Amino acid sequence: MKKIFTLLLMAAAVIGSQAKVYTFEDLSKIDGTGVTKADDGSYLVTMNTSLANSDTVKLDDNNILVLKAQLVITNGNTLKIQNNDVIKFGASAQVRVEGEADFAPTDTATVTAADGATGTAKGFWIFGSKQRTNAVIKNVTFEYVGITFGNDLDNDGHLEMSNCTVKYNNGKIASGQAINFNATCKGNIIENCHFEANTVSAIGSGSNTPVGITIRNNMFYKNSTTKRNRPQINMSCNACPYDIVIEGNTVIGIAENTLAGGIAVSNLLAGKGAGKIYVRNNKISDNRYGITGTGAMDIYIENNECVNNKYEATPANGGSGINLTQNSTNKTSYAYLRGNHVEGNLWGVTVIGWKEVNMGRNNLPTDDPEYNPGENILKDNVCNGETVDLANMTDAMVYALGNTWSVPISRVWDVISLGANTPRENVVVETPFVAVDDVNVDREIAGVQYVNLAGQVSNTPFEGVNIVVTQYTDGNRNVVKVVK
């Protein structure tokens, strides 16, 4: 009899802790959740500000927790958004989902802020600590509020987001991005979504948060509106063990000097991870810069259009179609560039501190892993009146065979800029650089002019960065960038 009684207690415990699926309609019927239903059928989420910071109210067999700062759907349970739901977040309101987020209505749903752009509404924090957390988000429009997602490295939880609109995000759920990753996770995918006029980056992760993700076929339109150094896509690859794929997106900037770049992938803290970075088939225009890779990584940049990314008041700080930077003395980064169209930027491709940049190695056998036909088009990238299609400012090795430049290949060195201490043999093109005396002993220097970053011209060098234009008597000229 005692054994039977014990088994009954155990069965009751299991039944009592069974996973539940909560809709906002369900939450509105449970006293104390802070979710109420309005006469128009929308749901309002408010925080219980009367609670102390340390208080926790447990509801519905501990499946729901109410804290001063958030409403929590606990591990093992699911929060579901239903078709045609309209959910409004009040001041500082945040819903945390520790289990599953089923935000996939058949047709549509809207999640917004009750007080619009002026409010402090946050949105959803979907995160499980030491447990599996998944989020499926489809056909939802998010206004002002956003999503923070994370799942522990040793679990397989991930975010899957498609056919959504995210606009006007207020930067309250995360100060950096509307869709924010705050813990390392893999298998994430965001596709066929529209991001517009968010005050912060559209998608991103913290500098210490490498994420495996595919960002595919989305529209990014004039995001990062608050004039901070926030690109529209801002991913970290800090020792990332997973691939990052950014492909088929359109990234249109504000076309003003707002500091907002296009696509950025960075590794600011650690060594190179096993994951690769693929940026391909994107159209990027009217940003501060087009594509930038910063820090240790292997990055493959192919078939992108980087056009008119020139909105930087100080050219030394931006304006590149493609920029590759690694400041570490232990340079390990590798870049492969093929088939990109880079036009109308302040600079075409800029390289600072990289180990090797393969923009074209068509002199190798086609089965060689380093073979690259090039096929990049670099055209009319003009800074202070001078065309700079390629700038190699340090000792990186740049192979650049098989490309089309702003000038005939015989004059390619007119549009290649080198740092003051960059050996000319560190850039390999069809026409090697040779000294004037080796070509034409009769050719003389007709004049030298120095242009600073403000566009001023002088016959003597300025302090700081100078673009040095040497004009020869045979009509040719050489352009280099030096620092005095």
Protein backbone atom coordinates (compact mmCIF):
# COMPACT_ATOMS: atom_id res chain seq x y z
CA MET A 1 0.00 0.00 0.00
CA LYS A 2 2.85 2.38 0.86
CA LYS A 3 4.50 1.73 -2.52
CA ILE A 4 1.22 2.43 -4.34
CA PHE A 5 0.79 5.72 -2.47
CA THR A 6 4.36 6.77 -3.37
CA LEU A 7 3.77 6.00 -7.05
CA LEU A 8 0.57 8.05 -7.00
CA LEU A 9 2.46 11.02 -5.58
CA MET A 10 5.12 10.70 -8.26
CA ALA A 11 2.49 10.53 -11.01
CA ALA A 12 0.77 13.61 -9.62
CA ALA A 13 4.05 15.47 -9.60
CA VAL A 14 4.68 14.58 -13.26
CA ILE A 15 1.17 15.63 -14.28
CA GLY A 16 1.52 18.88 -12.32
CA SER A 17 4.75 19.76 -14.09
CA GLN A 18 3.64 18.88 -17.63
CA ALA A 19 4.65 21.39 -20.25
CA LYS A 20 2.00 23.90 -21.19
CA VAL A 21 1.35 26.11 -24.18
CA TYR A 22 0.31 29.64 -23.25
CA THR A 23 -1.28 32.14 -25.58
CA PHE A 24 -1.76 35.79 -24.69
CA GLU A 25 -5.46 35.00 -24.40
CA ASP A 26 -4.56 32.43 -21.73
CA LEU A 27 -2.27 34.86 -19.91
CA SER A 28 -4.99 37.53 -19.86
CA LYS A 29 -7.21 35.12 -17.91
CA ILE A 30 -4.64 34.38 -15.19
CA ASP A 31 -4.69 36.97 -12.44
CA GLY A 32 -1.38 38.65 -11.73
CA THR A 33 0.40 38.13 -15.06
CA GLY A 34 0.13 41.77 -16.06
CA VAL A 35 -1.50 40.79 -19.38
CA THR A 36 -4.91 42.31 -20.00
CA LYS A 37 -7.25 42.22 -22.97
CA ALA A 38 -8.65 45.48 -24.31
CA ASP A 39 -12.09 46.04 -25.82
CA ASP A 40 -10.56 46.04 -29.32
CA GLY A 41 -9.15 42.56 -28.74
CA SER A 42 -5.51 43.63 -28.34
CA TYR A 43 -3.39 42.53 -25.38
CA LEU A 44 -1.50 44.91 -23.11
CA VAL A 45 1.59 43.71 -21.22
CA THR A 46 2.52 45.74 -18.12
CA MET A 47 5.02 45.26 -15.32
CA ASN A 48 4.09 45.02 -11.64
CA THR A 49 6.03 48.03 -10.39
CA SER A 50 4.81 47.47 -6.83
CA LEU A 51 7.11 44.45 -6.48
CA ALA A 52 10.54 44.77 -4.95
CA ASN A 53 13.48 43.86 -7.16
CA SER A 54 13.96 40.60 -5.24
CA ASP A 55 10.26 39.59 -5.30
CA THR A 56 9.01 36.66 -7.39
CA VAL A 57 5.33 35.78 -7.74
CA LYS A 58 4.72 32.18 -8.87
CA LEU A 59 1.59 31.40 -10.88
CA ASP A 60 -0.04 28.34 -12.45
CA ASP A 61 2.04 25.63 -10.78
CA ASN A 62 5.24 27.68 -11.12
CA ASN A 63 4.99 27.70 -14.91
CA ILE A 64 4.76 31.49 -14.84
CA LEU A 65 6.89 33.86 -12.78
CA VAL A 66 6.14 37.53 -12.28
CA LEU A 67 9.06 39.80 -11.42
CA LYS A 68 9.25 43.54 -11.22
CA ALA A 69 11.18 43.72 -14.49
CA GLN A 70 9.73 40.83 -16.51
CA LEU A 71 7.08 38.19 -16.98
CA VAL A 72 8.69 34.74 -17.30
CA ILE A 73 7.39 31.64 -19.07
CA THR A 74 9.54 28.99 -17.42
CA ASN A 75 11.59 26.18 -18.91
CA GLY A 76 9.60 23.40 -20.57
CA ASN A 77 6.68 25.63 -21.48
CA THR A 78 5.77 27.40 -24.72
CA LEU A 79 4.54 30.90 -25.44
CA LYS A 80 2.44 31.10 -28.60
CA ILE A 81 1.35 34.08 -30.70
CA GLN A 82 -1.91 33.38 -32.49
CA ASN A 83 -3.19 34.60 -35.83
CA ASN A 84 -4.18 38.28 -35.86
CA ASP A 85 -2.93 38.90 -32.31
CA VAL A 86 -2.06 42.50 -31.51
CA ILE A 87 0.27 42.66 -28.50
CA LYS A 88 1.21 45.99 -26.92
CA PHE A 89 4.08 46.33 -24.46
CA GLY A 90 3.79 48.98 -21.77
CA ALA A 91 6.57 50.98 -20.12
CA SER A 92 9.73 48.85 -19.64
CA ALA A 93 7.69 45.70 -20.27
CA GLN A 94 9.59 42.52 -21.11
CA VAL A 95 8.51 38.90 -21.52
CA ARG A 96 11.14 36.22 -20.98
CA VAL A 97 10.66 32.80 -22.56
CA GLU A 98 12.88 30.06 -21.14
CA GLY A 99 11.33 27.25 -23.16
CA GLU A 100 9.84 27.46 -26.65
CA ALA A 101 8.66 30.56 -28.52
CA ASP A 102 6.02 29.70 -31.13
CA PHE A 103 5.52 33.04 -32.84
CA ALA A 104 4.25 31.72 -36.17
CA PRO A 105 0.69 32.84 -36.90
CA THR A 106 -0.84 31.59 -40.12
CA ASP A 107 -1.22 35.06 -41.65
CA THR A 108 -0.16 37.92 -39.43
CA ALA A 109 0.32 39.34 -35.95
CA THR A 110 1.63 42.63 -34.58
CA VAL A 111 3.85 43.28 -31.58
CA THR A 112 4.25 46.95 -30.74
CA ALA A 113 4.71 49.50 -27.96
CA ALA A 114 1.69 50.94 -26.24
CA ASP A 115 3.29 54.38 -26.15
CA GLY A 116 5.02 54.28 -29.54
CA ALA A 117 8.40 55.78 -30.26
CA THR A 118 8.63 57.80 -27.04
CA GLY A 119 8.25 54.84 -24.70
CA THR A 120 10.54 52.35 -22.97
CA ALA A 121 8.86 49.09 -24.00
CA LYS A 122 11.36 46.27 -24.52
CA GLY A 123 9.86 43.12 -26.03
CA PHE A 124 10.94 39.47 -25.79
CA TRP A 125 13.98 37.94 -24.14
CA ILE A 126 14.14 34.32 -25.32
CA PHE A 127 16.85 32.58 -23.38
CA GLY A 128 17.35 29.28 -21.63
CA SER A 129 20.22 28.77 -19.22
CA LYS A 130 21.63 25.21 -19.44
CA GLN A 131 18.52 24.14 -21.31
CA ARG A 132 17.17 23.95 -24.82
CA THR A 133 15.46 27.07 -26.14
CA ASN A 134 13.95 27.40 -29.60
CA ALA A 135 12.17 30.26 -31.29
CA VAL A 136 10.17 30.08 -34.51
CA ILE A 137 9.08 33.55 -35.61
CA LYS A 138 7.09 33.99 -38.83
CA ASN A 139 4.64 36.52 -40.26
CA VAL A 140 4.98 38.95 -37.35
CA THR A 141 5.45 42.72 -37.49
CA PHE A 142 7.53 44.19 -34.66
CA GLU A 143 7.32 47.93 -34.04
CA TYR A 144 9.54 49.74 -31.49
CA VAL A 145 10.18 46.52 -29.51
CA GLY A 146 12.69 43.78 -30.30
CA ILE A 147 14.06 40.35 -29.47
CA THR A 148 17.08 39.16 -27.53
CA PHE A 149 17.89 35.49 -28.08
CA GLY A 150 20.46 33.14 -26.62
CA ASN A 151 21.07 29.50 -25.92
CA ASP A 152 23.98 27.81 -24.22
CA LEU A 153 26.78 26.54 -26.46
CA ASP A 154 26.27 22.86 -25.61
CA ASN A 155 22.59 22.90 -26.55
CA ASP A 156 20.95 22.86 -29.95
CA GLY A 157 18.40 25.61 -29.47
CA HIS A 158 18.19 28.19 -32.22
CA LEU A 159 16.18 31.04 -33.69
CA GLU A 160 14.34 30.64 -36.99
CA MET A 161 12.84 33.88 -38.32
CA SER A 162 11.18 34.50 -41.69
CA ASN A 163 8.68 36.79 -43.43
CA CYS A 164 8.73 39.31 -40.60
CA THR A 165 8.97 43.10 -40.45
CA VAL A 166 11.06 44.84 -37.80
CA LYS A 167 10.90 48.63 -37.71
CA TYR A 168 11.42 51.67 -35.48
CA ASN A 169 13.16 49.64 -32.76
CA ASN A 170 13.86 51.88 -29.76
CA GLY A 171 17.04 50.15 -28.54
CA LYS A 172 15.56 49.18 -25.16
CA ILE A 173 15.66 45.37 -25.37
CA ALA A 174 19.33 45.76 -26.37
CA SER A 175 21.33 48.93 -26.92
CA GLY A 176 23.02 47.54 -30.03
CA GLN A 177 20.48 45.81 -32.27
CA ALA A 178 16.79 45.08 -32.82
CA ILE A 179 17.40 41.32 -33.13
CA ASN A 180 20.13 40.69 -30.57
CA PHE A 181 22.07 37.52 -29.79
CA ASN A 182 23.44 37.51 -26.24
CA ALA A 183 24.83 33.98 -25.99
CA THR A 184 26.71 31.68 -28.33
CA CYS A 185 24.39 29.43 -30.31
CA LYS A 186 24.23 27.78 -33.72
CA GLY A 187 21.81 26.94 -36.50
CA ASN A 188 20.12 30.34 -36.50
CA ILE A 189 18.49 31.63 -39.68
CA ILE A 190 16.87 34.95 -40.54
CA GLU A 191 15.45 35.17 -44.06
CA ASN A 192 12.94 37.05 -46.18
CA CYS A 193 12.44 39.76 -43.56
CA HIS A 194 12.25 43.55 -43.81
CA PHE A 195 14.18 45.79 -41.40
CA GLU A 196 13.51 49.50 -41.58
CA ALA A 197 14.33 52.69 -39.66
CA ASN A 198 15.47 50.97 -36.48
CA THR A 199 17.43 53.29 -34.19
CA VAL A 200 20.08 50.57 -33.74
CA SER A 201 21.54 47.83 -35.94
CA ALA A 202 18.97 45.48 -37.41
CA ILE A 203 20.77 42.24 -36.46
CA GLY A 204 23.84 41.73 -34.32
CA SER A 205 25.67 40.04 -31.49
CA GLY A 206 27.94 41.22 -28.69
CA SER A 207 31.70 41.32 -29.19
CA ASN A 208 32.08 38.25 -26.93
CA THR A 209 29.16 36.39 -28.49
CA PRO A 210 30.03 34.40 -31.62
CA VAL A 211 26.94 33.04 -33.32
CA GLY A 212 26.41 30.53 -36.11
CA ILE A 213 23.84 32.12 -38.40
CA THR A 214 22.54 32.49 -41.94
CA ILE A 215 21.14 35.93 -42.85
CA ARG A 216 19.54 35.51 -46.26
CA ASN A 217 17.35 37.45 -48.71
CA ASN A 218 16.38 40.27 -46.35
CA MET A 219 15.84 43.97 -46.96
CA PHE A 220 17.72 46.37 -44.67
CA TYR A 221 16.54 49.92 -45.27
CA LYS A 222 18.00 52.93 -43.49
CA ASN A 223 18.64 51.35 -40.10
CA SER A 224 20.85 52.67 -37.27
CA THR A 225 19.27 56.11 -37.33
CA THR A 226 20.81 57.54 -34.15
CA LYS A 227 24.15 58.55 -35.73
CA ARG A 228 26.23 56.05 -33.77
CA ASN A 229 28.88 53.75 -35.18
CA ARG A 230 26.42 50.92 -35.75
CA PRO A 231 26.28 49.05 -39.08
CA GLN A 232 23.00 47.63 -40.27
CA ILE A 233 24.30 44.07 -39.82
CA ASN A 234 26.80 43.75 -36.97
CA MET A 235 28.02 40.22 -36.23
CA SER A 236 30.86 39.04 -34.00
CA CYS A 237 33.02 36.04 -34.91
CA ASN A 238 35.13 36.02 -31.75
CA ALA A 239 36.78 32.54 -31.90
CA CYS A 240 33.55 31.35 -33.52
CA PRO A 241 33.34 27.60 -34.15
CA TYR A 242 30.42 28.07 -36.57
CA ASP A 243 30.01 29.59 -40.02
CA ILE A 244 28.40 32.99 -40.57
CA VAL A 245 26.62 33.30 -43.93
CA ILE A 246 25.31 36.69 -45.11
CA GLU A 247 23.87 36.33 -48.60
CA GLY A 248 21.31 37.75 -51.01
CA ASN A 249 20.44 40.78 -48.90
CA THR A 250 19.80 44.36 -49.96
CA VAL A 251 21.35 46.89 -47.58
CA ILE A 252 20.44 50.51 -48.32
CA GLY A 253 21.79 53.28 -46.10
CA ILE A 254 20.53 56.70 -45.14
CA ALA A 255 22.86 58.47 -47.62
CA GLU A 256 23.97 60.94 -44.95
CA ASN A 257 26.97 61.11 -42.64
CA THR A 258 25.29 59.09 -39.88
CA LEU A 259 28.18 56.69 -39.06
CA ALA A 260 25.96 53.75 -40.08
CA GLY A 261 27.81 51.16 -42.15
CA GLY A 262 26.46 48.29 -44.23
CA ILE A 263 27.72 44.84 -43.19
CA ALA A 264 30.32 44.34 -40.45
CA VAL A 265 31.85 41.14 -39.10
CA SER A 266 34.39 41.59 -36.32
CA ASN A 267 36.63 39.67 -33.97
CA LEU A 268 37.83 42.14 -31.36
CA LEU A 269 38.76 39.80 -28.52
CA ALA A 270 40.32 36.49 -29.51
CA GLY A 271 42.03 34.32 -32.05
CA LYS A 272 40.56 32.97 -35.24
CA GLY A 273 37.86 30.35 -34.83
CA ALA A 274 37.16 27.31 -37.00
CA GLY A 275 34.09 28.93 -38.54
CA LYS A 276 34.27 30.72 -41.91
CA ILE A 277 32.62 33.99 -42.91
CA TYR A 278 30.72 34.10 -46.22
CA VAL A 279 29.44 37.43 -47.53
CA ARG A 280 28.03 36.95 -51.00
CA ASN A 281 25.45 38.17 -53.51
CA ASN A 282 24.47 41.23 -51.48
CA LYS A 283 23.61 44.70 -52.79
CA ILE A 284 24.98 47.37 -50.47
CA SER A 285 24.62 51.08 -51.18
CA ASP A 286 24.57 54.55 -49.60
CA ASN A 287 26.15 53.58 -46.27
CA ARG A 288 29.22 54.84 -44.44
CA TYR A 289 31.00 51.76 -45.80
CA GLY A 290 29.93 48.62 -47.63
CA ILE A 291 31.53 45.52 -46.10
CA THR A 292 34.13 45.43 -43.34
CA GLY A 293 35.97 42.54 -41.71
CA THR A 294 37.91 43.40 -38.56
CA GLY A 295 40.18 41.07 -36.63
CA ALA A 296 41.24 37.45 -37.05
CA MET A 297 39.04 35.51 -39.50
CA ASP A 298 38.82 33.71 -42.81
CA ILE A 299 36.33 35.66 -44.92
CA TYR A 300 35.02 34.96 -48.42
CA ILE A 301 33.49 38.01 -50.13
CA GLU A 302 31.94 37.16 -53.49
CA ASN A 303 29.60 38.69 -56.07
CA ASN A 304 28.53 41.67 -53.99
CA GLU A 305 27.60 45.12 -55.28
CA CYS A 306 29.16 47.82 -53.08
CA VAL A 307 28.11 51.14 -54.57
CA ASN A 308 28.18 54.71 -53.21
CA ASN A 309 29.18 53.77 -49.69
CA LYS A 310 30.85 57.12 -49.16
CA TYR A 311 29.01 58.87 -46.35
CA GLU A 312 31.92 59.56 -44.03
CA ALA A 313 33.01 63.10 -43.17
CA THR A 314 36.59 61.98 -42.39
CA PRO A 315 37.81 59.68 -45.19
CA ALA A 316 40.56 58.17 -43.01
CA ASN A 317 37.79 56.66 -40.86
CA GLY A 318 35.56 55.09 -43.49
CA GLY A 319 34.08 55.25 -46.93
CA SER A 320 35.43 51.95 -48.30
CA GLY A 321 33.49 49.63 -50.53
CA ILE A 322 35.30 46.75 -48.80
CA ASN A 323 37.58 47.22 -45.79
CA LEU A 324 39.79 44.57 -44.17
CA THR A 325 41.54 45.46 -40.91
CA GLN A 326 43.57 43.50 -38.38
CA ASN A 327 45.61 45.50 -35.90
CA SER A 328 47.15 42.53 -34.09
CA THR A 329 50.86 41.91 -34.53
CA ASN A 330 50.03 38.21 -34.91
CA LYS A 331 48.35 38.52 -38.28
CA THR A 332 46.40 35.41 -39.28
CA SER A 333 43.52 36.73 -41.39
CA TYR A 334 42.77 35.54 -44.91
CA ALA A 335 40.34 37.09 -47.37
CA TYR A 336 39.08 35.81 -50.71
CA LEU A 337 37.43 38.42 -52.96
CA ARG A 338 35.85 37.42 -56.26
CA GLY A 339 33.33 38.96 -58.63
CA ASN A 340 32.52 42.04 -56.54
CA HIS A 341 31.41 45.32 -58.11
CA VAL A 342 32.93 48.15 -56.09
CA GLU A 343 32.01 51.58 -57.43
CA GLY A 344 31.49 55.15 -56.30
CA ASN A 345 32.90 54.77 -52.80
CA LEU A 346 35.59 57.00 -51.27
CA TRP A 347 37.95 54.03 -51.40
CA GLY A 348 37.56 50.78 -53.31
CA VAL A 349 39.20 48.00 -51.29
CA THR A 350 41.30 49.02 -48.26
CA VAL A 351 43.62 46.62 -46.47
CA ILE A 352 45.19 47.38 -43.09
CA GLY A 353 47.21 44.79 -41.20
CA TRP A 354 45.81 41.70 -42.93
CA LYS A 355 47.99 38.65 -43.59
CA GLU A 356 46.80 37.79 -47.11
CA VAL A 357 44.11 39.11 -49.43
CA ASN A 358 43.35 37.04 -52.51
CA MET A 359 41.59 39.33 -54.99
CA GLY A 360 42.75 37.27 -57.93
CA ARG A 361 45.32 34.53 -58.49
CA ASN A 362 44.46 33.38 -61.99
CA ASN A 363 48.08 32.42 -62.62
CA LEU A 364 47.62 29.23 -60.56
CA PRO A 365 46.21 25.91 -61.77
CA THR A 366 42.42 25.87 -61.54
CA ASP A 367 42.53 22.95 -59.11
CA ASP A 368 44.79 24.86 -56.73
CA PRO A 369 42.80 25.87 -53.60
CA GLU A 370 44.25 29.37 -53.94
CA TYR A 371 43.09 29.76 -57.55
CA ASN A 372 40.88 32.82 -57.98
CA PRO A 373 39.93 34.29 -61.37
CA GLY A 374 39.48 37.71 -59.76
CA GLU A 375 36.64 39.25 -61.78
CA ASN A 376 36.26 42.15 -59.37
CA ILE A 377 35.22 45.47 -60.93
CA LEU A 378 36.70 48.52 -59.19
CA LYS A 379 35.48 51.78 -60.66
CA ASP A 380 35.46 55.47 -59.79
CA ASN A 381 36.24 55.19 -56.10
CA VAL A 382 37.24 58.79 -55.53
CA CYS A 383 38.57 60.47 -52.38
CA ASN A 384 39.31 64.20 -52.49
CA GLY A 385 39.50 64.12 -56.26
CA GLU A 386 41.83 61.12 -56.49
CA THR A 387 40.79 57.64 -57.58
CA VAL A 388 41.88 54.89 -55.17
CA ASP A 389 40.56 51.50 -56.20
CA LEU A 390 42.93 49.59 -53.89
CA ALA A 391 44.81 50.79 -50.81
CA ASN A 392 47.26 48.48 -49.06
CA MET A 393 48.38 50.49 -46.06
CA THR A 394 50.56 47.96 -44.19
CA ASP A 395 52.50 44.81 -45.07
CA ALA A 396 49.61 42.58 -46.15
CA MET A 397 50.19 40.45 -49.22
CA VAL A 398 47.54 41.34 -51.82
CA TYR A 399 47.08 39.32 -55.01
CA ALA A 400 44.94 41.27 -57.47
CA LEU A 401 45.09 39.57 -60.87
CA GLY A 402 42.19 39.35 -63.30
CA ASN A 403 40.27 42.44 -62.21
CA THR A 404 38.84 45.48 -63.98
CA TRP A 405 40.02 48.88 -62.76
CA SER A 406 39.09 52.53 -63.27
CA VAL A 407 42.02 52.84 -65.68
CA PRO A 408 43.64 50.57 -68.28
CA ILE A 409 45.81 47.88 -66.77
CA SER A 410 48.92 49.67 -68.05
CA ARG A 411 48.10 52.52 -65.64
CA VAL A 412 46.81 50.43 -62.74
CA TRP A 413 49.37 51.90 -60.34
CA ASP A 414 47.63 55.26 -60.75
CA VAL A 415 44.71 53.88 -58.73
CA ILE A 416 46.63 51.77 -56.18
CA SER A 417 47.70 53.48 -52.96
CA LEU A 418 50.41 52.13 -50.66
CA GLY A 419 51.27 52.97 -47.10
CA ALA A 420 54.53 54.75 -46.39
CA ASN A 421 56.22 51.46 -45.42
CA THR A 422 54.36 49.05 -47.72
CA PRO A 423 56.69 47.27 -50.17
CA ARG A 424 55.40 47.60 -53.71
CA GLU A 425 55.98 43.90 -54.29
CA ASN A 426 53.22 43.25 -51.71
CA VAL A 427 50.65 44.00 -54.40
CA VAL A 428 50.61 41.59 -57.34
CA VAL A 429 48.87 42.89 -60.47
CA GLU A 430 49.31 42.27 -64.19
CA THR A 431 51.49 45.37 -64.56
CA PRO A 432 54.21 45.34 -61.89
CA PHE A 433 55.39 48.63 -60.46
CA VAL A 434 58.80 49.60 -61.79
CA ALA A 435 60.91 52.62 -61.06
CA VAL A 436 60.85 55.59 -63.43
CA ASP A 437 64.49 55.07 -64.39
CA ASP A 438 63.71 51.50 -65.45
CA VAL A 439 61.00 52.62 -67.88
CA ASN A 440 62.01 55.91 -69.38
CA VAL A 441 65.16 57.71 -68.41
CA ASP A 442 63.84 60.82 -70.11
CA ARG A 443 60.67 61.00 -68.02
CA GLU A 444 60.82 63.60 -65.29
CA ILE A 445 58.62 64.64 -62.40
CA ALA A 446 56.49 67.56 -63.51
CA GLY A 447 55.11 68.30 -60.05
CA VAL A 448 54.03 66.94 -56.70
CA GLN A 449 50.90 67.93 -54.77
CA TYR A 450 49.73 66.96 -51.30
CA VAL A 451 46.02 66.60 -50.46
CA ASN A 452 44.83 66.32 -46.85
CA LEU A 453 41.64 64.70 -45.61
CA ALA A 454 39.79 68.01 -45.78
CA GLY A 455 40.52 68.23 -49.50
CA GLN A 456 43.05 71.04 -49.20
CA VAL A 457 45.90 71.04 -51.72
CA SER A 458 49.46 72.14 -51.03
CA ASN A 459 52.94 71.90 -52.51
CA THR A 460 54.27 70.81 -49.10
CA PRO A 461 53.03 67.94 -46.89
CA PHE A 462 50.34 68.49 -44.27
CA GLU A 463 50.61 67.08 -40.77
CA GLY A 464 48.86 63.71 -40.59
CA VAL A 465 47.47 61.81 -43.57
CA ASN A 466 48.43 63.01 -47.07
CA ILE A 467 47.48 61.77 -50.51
CA VAL A 468 50.61 62.41 -52.58
CA VAL A 469 50.01 62.95 -56.31
CA THR A 470 53.16 62.79 -58.47
CA GLN A 471 52.67 63.99 -62.06
CA TYR A 472 55.24 63.00 -64.72
CA THR A 473 56.17 64.75 -67.94
CA ASP A 474 54.87 61.85 -70.05
CA GLY A 475 51.35 62.33 -68.67
CA ASN A 476 51.38 59.47 -66.16
CA ARG A 477 50.98 59.99 -62.45
CA ASN A 478 51.36 58.03 -59.21
CA VAL A 479 49.10 58.33 -56.16
CA VAL A 480 50.09 57.13 -52.70
CA LYS A 481 48.77 57.73 -49.22
CA VAL A 482 51.37 58.62 -46.57
CA VAL A 483 51.37 59.79 -42.98
CA LYS A 484 53.65 62.59 -41.93
